[in-house]
Amino acid sequence: NNAFYNAGLDVLSYGIAGGAYRPFCAAQDIVSHEYGHAFTAHTSGLIYRNQSGALNESISDALGFFVEAEYQEDWDWVQGEDIRINGVGASRSFIHPPSFGHPDNINHPYFVPYTDNPNMFTNDFGGVHSNSGIPNKVMYLVVKGDEHYGINILPFEQDINLSRAAASTIWY
C-alpha cells in the first residue's frame, strides 16, 4: 500500500491496495505527485535526503495539488484522501501539517534535524516526508493567504485561481 517513483529504474508504482485502501492511482494528487518525482529527479538535482529531499517531496506534493485543483471540482488542501475507502483520511495537509505529524516551521517539535546517516528505515531519509510540511505550508500561504503564528500572510492574488496560477508557475 504505497506509491513511489524509482529514479534508478525510471519506474512509477501505485501499489495493489487492499483493506481500507483503494489503489494509489485512484487519487489524482498522488498520481501527479509521483510524476512530479520523475520530473524533479531528472531536472532539479535535489538529492533525496534531509532538507533537499524534503523540498523534492514538497515539489511533488505541490504538483499533485496543482493538477488536482485544475481538474477536480472537489479539490482540497490535503494529499491522498481519495485512496481511502469512503474518502476518510489523508496523508498530508497544506493548511495544517502538524495534524499529520509534520512540522510547519523549522522550530516545530516535529522537525527532523539533519542526519549524516539518512536511510529509509530509521529516519525517512532524514525526514523527507515530515519536513516537506514546511514548504507545503509556504505554498498554501502564498496561494490562499492566512495567519501563521500571528503573522498575516497575503496571497499572491485575491482571486484564488490567479493566485494558484502564479504559484504553479513559480513551483514549476
Protein backbone atom coordinates (compact mmCIF):
# COMPACT_ATOMS: atom_id res chain seq x y z
CA ASN A 1 0.00 0.00 0.00
CA ASN A 2 2.29 2.69 -1.29
CA ALA A 3 3.11 4.66 -4.39
CA PHE A 4 6.63 5.57 -5.42
CA TYR A 5 8.93 6.63 -8.20
CA ASN A 6 12.27 4.84 -8.51
CA ALA A 7 14.70 7.17 -10.28
CA GLY A 8 17.33 4.44 -10.74
CA LEU A 9 14.92 2.24 -12.67
CA ASP A 10 12.72 5.06 -14.02
CA VAL A 11 9.64 3.24 -12.71
CA LEU A 12 6.35 4.51 -11.26
CA SER A 13 4.42 2.19 -8.93
CA TYR A 14 0.98 2.72 -7.42
CA GLY A 15 0.60 -0.40 -5.28
CA ILE A 16 -2.14 -3.01 -5.31
CA ALA A 17 -4.18 -1.65 -2.39
CA GLY A 18 -6.38 -3.74 -0.15
CA GLY A 19 -8.14 -3.43 3.18
CA ALA A 20 -9.15 0.19 3.74
CA TYR A 21 -7.16 1.40 0.69
CA ARG A 22 -8.06 1.79 -2.94
CA PRO A 23 -5.14 1.63 -5.41
CA PHE A 24 -2.98 4.71 -5.09
CA CYS A 25 -3.69 5.50 -8.75
CA ALA A 26 -7.27 6.32 -7.62
CA ALA A 27 -6.05 9.69 -6.32
CA GLN A 28 -5.23 12.31 -8.93
CA ASP A 29 -2.98 14.18 -6.50
CA ILE A 30 -0.95 11.01 -5.79
CA VAL A 31 -0.58 10.14 -9.48
CA SER A 32 0.57 13.70 -10.19
CA HIS A 33 2.80 13.65 -7.10
CA GLU A 34 4.67 10.57 -8.38
CA TYR A 35 5.03 12.02 -11.88
CA GLY A 36 6.36 15.09 -10.08
CA HIS A 37 9.10 12.94 -8.55
CA ALA A 38 10.07 11.73 -12.02
CA PHE A 39 10.24 15.30 -13.30
CA THR A 40 12.14 16.54 -10.23
CA ALA A 41 14.61 13.63 -10.33
CA HIS A 42 15.57 14.41 -13.92
CA THR A 43 15.62 18.21 -13.75
CA SER A 44 16.37 19.60 -10.28
CA GLY A 45 19.44 17.94 -8.86
CA LEU A 46 17.72 17.77 -5.46
CA ILE A 47 19.20 14.82 -3.57
CA TYR A 48 16.52 12.73 -1.88
CA ARG A 49 17.68 13.12 1.72
CA ASN A 50 17.49 15.68 4.51
CA GLN A 51 16.32 19.19 3.57
CA SER A 52 16.85 18.86 -0.19
CA GLY A 53 14.80 15.65 -0.07
CA ALA A 54 12.04 17.45 1.84
CA LEU A 55 11.99 20.12 -0.86
CA ASN A 56 11.88 17.37 -3.51
CA GLU A 57 8.92 15.78 -1.68
CA SER A 58 7.16 19.13 -1.32
CA ILE A 59 7.54 19.98 -5.01
CA SER A 60 5.79 16.68 -5.81
CA ASP A 61 3.07 17.48 -3.25
CA ALA A 62 2.59 20.90 -4.83
CA LEU A 63 2.42 19.49 -8.37
CA GLY A 64 -0.15 16.97 -7.13
CA PHE A 65 -2.17 19.79 -5.60
CA PHE A 66 -2.00 21.99 -8.71
CA VAL A 67 -3.16 19.18 -11.01
CA GLU A 68 -5.99 18.17 -8.68
CA ALA A 69 -7.10 21.81 -8.31
CA GLU A 70 -7.09 22.24 -12.08
CA TYR A 71 -9.01 19.09 -12.97
CA GLN A 72 -11.21 18.20 -9.98
CA GLU A 73 -14.08 20.33 -8.79
CA ASP A 74 -13.75 18.95 -5.27
CA TRP A 75 -10.03 19.79 -4.88
CA ASP A 76 -8.74 20.33 -1.39
CA TRP A 77 -5.64 21.13 0.65
CA VAL A 78 -4.78 17.54 1.62
CA GLN A 79 -2.97 14.72 -0.16
CA GLY A 80 -4.19 11.20 -0.64
CA GLU A 81 -7.70 11.29 0.77
CA ASP A 82 -9.09 9.66 -2.39
CA ILE A 83 -7.27 6.38 -1.78
CA ARG A 84 -9.11 5.71 1.47
CA ILE A 85 -12.31 3.71 1.22
CA ASN A 86 -15.17 6.14 1.88
CA GLY A 87 -12.71 9.05 1.50
CA VAL A 88 -11.81 9.06 5.20
CA GLY A 89 -8.25 10.15 5.88
CA ALA A 90 -5.35 11.70 4.05
CA SER A 91 -1.59 11.65 4.32
CA ARG A 92 -0.58 15.33 4.36
CA SER A 93 -2.11 18.75 4.85
CA PHE A 94 -1.02 22.04 3.33
CA ILE A 95 -3.15 24.05 5.76
CA HIS A 96 -2.02 22.39 8.99
CA PRO A 97 0.92 19.99 8.50
CA PRO A 98 1.16 19.18 12.27
CA SER A 99 -2.22 17.43 12.08
CA PHE A 100 -0.34 14.67 10.20
CA GLY A 101 2.83 14.77 12.30
CA HIS A 102 4.71 17.17 10.03
CA PRO A 103 6.29 20.50 11.04
CA ASP A 104 5.10 23.83 9.67
CA ASN A 105 8.32 25.63 10.64
CA ILE A 106 11.90 24.65 11.42
CA ASN A 107 11.43 25.17 15.19
CA HIS A 108 8.42 22.85 15.38
CA PRO A 109 8.84 19.71 17.55
CA TYR A 110 8.06 17.50 14.52
CA PHE A 111 11.04 18.88 12.57
CA VAL A 112 13.56 16.14 11.74
CA PRO A 113 17.11 17.54 12.07
CA TYR A 114 19.86 16.91 9.54
CA THR A 115 21.42 13.48 9.78
CA ASP A 116 24.71 12.15 8.43
CA ASN A 117 23.06 8.75 8.02
CA PRO A 118 19.80 9.26 6.11
CA ASN A 119 18.05 5.99 5.37
CA MET A 120 14.58 4.75 4.62
CA PHE A 121 14.09 2.55 7.67
CA THR A 122 15.10 4.63 10.70
CA ASN A 123 14.70 8.29 9.73
CA ASP A 124 12.77 8.57 6.44
CA PHE A 125 15.92 9.62 4.57
CA GLY A 126 16.41 12.48 7.03
CA GLY A 127 12.73 13.45 7.33
CA VAL A 128 11.89 13.98 3.66
CA HIS A 129 8.17 13.28 4.14
CA SER A 130 7.88 15.01 7.50
CA ASN A 131 9.88 18.16 6.77
CA SER A 132 8.07 18.67 3.46
CA GLY A 133 5.34 20.14 5.66
CA ILE A 134 7.31 23.39 5.90
CA PRO A 135 7.45 24.27 2.17
CA ASN A 136 3.93 22.82 1.80
CA LYS A 137 2.69 25.37 4.35
CA VAL A 138 4.52 28.12 2.45
CA MET A 139 2.77 27.08 -0.77
CA TYR A 140 -0.62 27.20 0.95
CA LEU A 141 0.10 30.63 2.43
CA VAL A 142 1.13 32.23 -0.87
CA VAL A 143 -1.84 30.74 -2.73
CA LYS A 144 -4.58 31.24 -0.16
CA GLY A 145 -3.16 33.64 2.42
CA ASP A 146 -3.76 33.10 6.11
CA GLU A 147 -2.42 33.90 9.54
CA HIS A 148 0.61 31.86 10.59
CA TYR A 149 1.96 32.23 14.13
CA GLY A 150 0.44 35.69 14.43
CA ILE A 151 1.68 36.95 11.06
CA ASN A 152 -0.91 37.73 8.41
CA ILE A 153 0.28 36.44 5.03
CA LEU A 154 -1.38 37.82 1.91
CA PRO A 155 -1.90 35.56 -1.11
CA PHE A 156 -0.24 36.30 -4.45
CA GLU A 157 -3.65 37.35 -5.79
CA GLN A 158 -7.07 37.82 -4.19
CA ASP A 159 -8.63 35.60 -6.86
CA ILE A 160 -7.66 32.05 -5.84
CA ASN A 161 -7.43 30.87 -9.46
CA LEU A 162 -4.99 33.65 -10.35
CA SER A 163 -3.07 33.04 -7.14
CA ARG A 164 -2.85 29.32 -7.88
CA ALA A 165 -1.68 30.03 -11.44
CA ALA A 166 1.09 32.33 -10.20
CA ALA A 167 2.21 29.79 -7.61
CA SER A 168 2.16 26.89 -10.09
CA THR A 169 4.43 28.84 -12.43
CA ILE A 170 6.90 29.53 -9.62
CA TRP A 171 6.84 25.97 -8.27
CA TYR A 172 7.27 24.54 -11.78
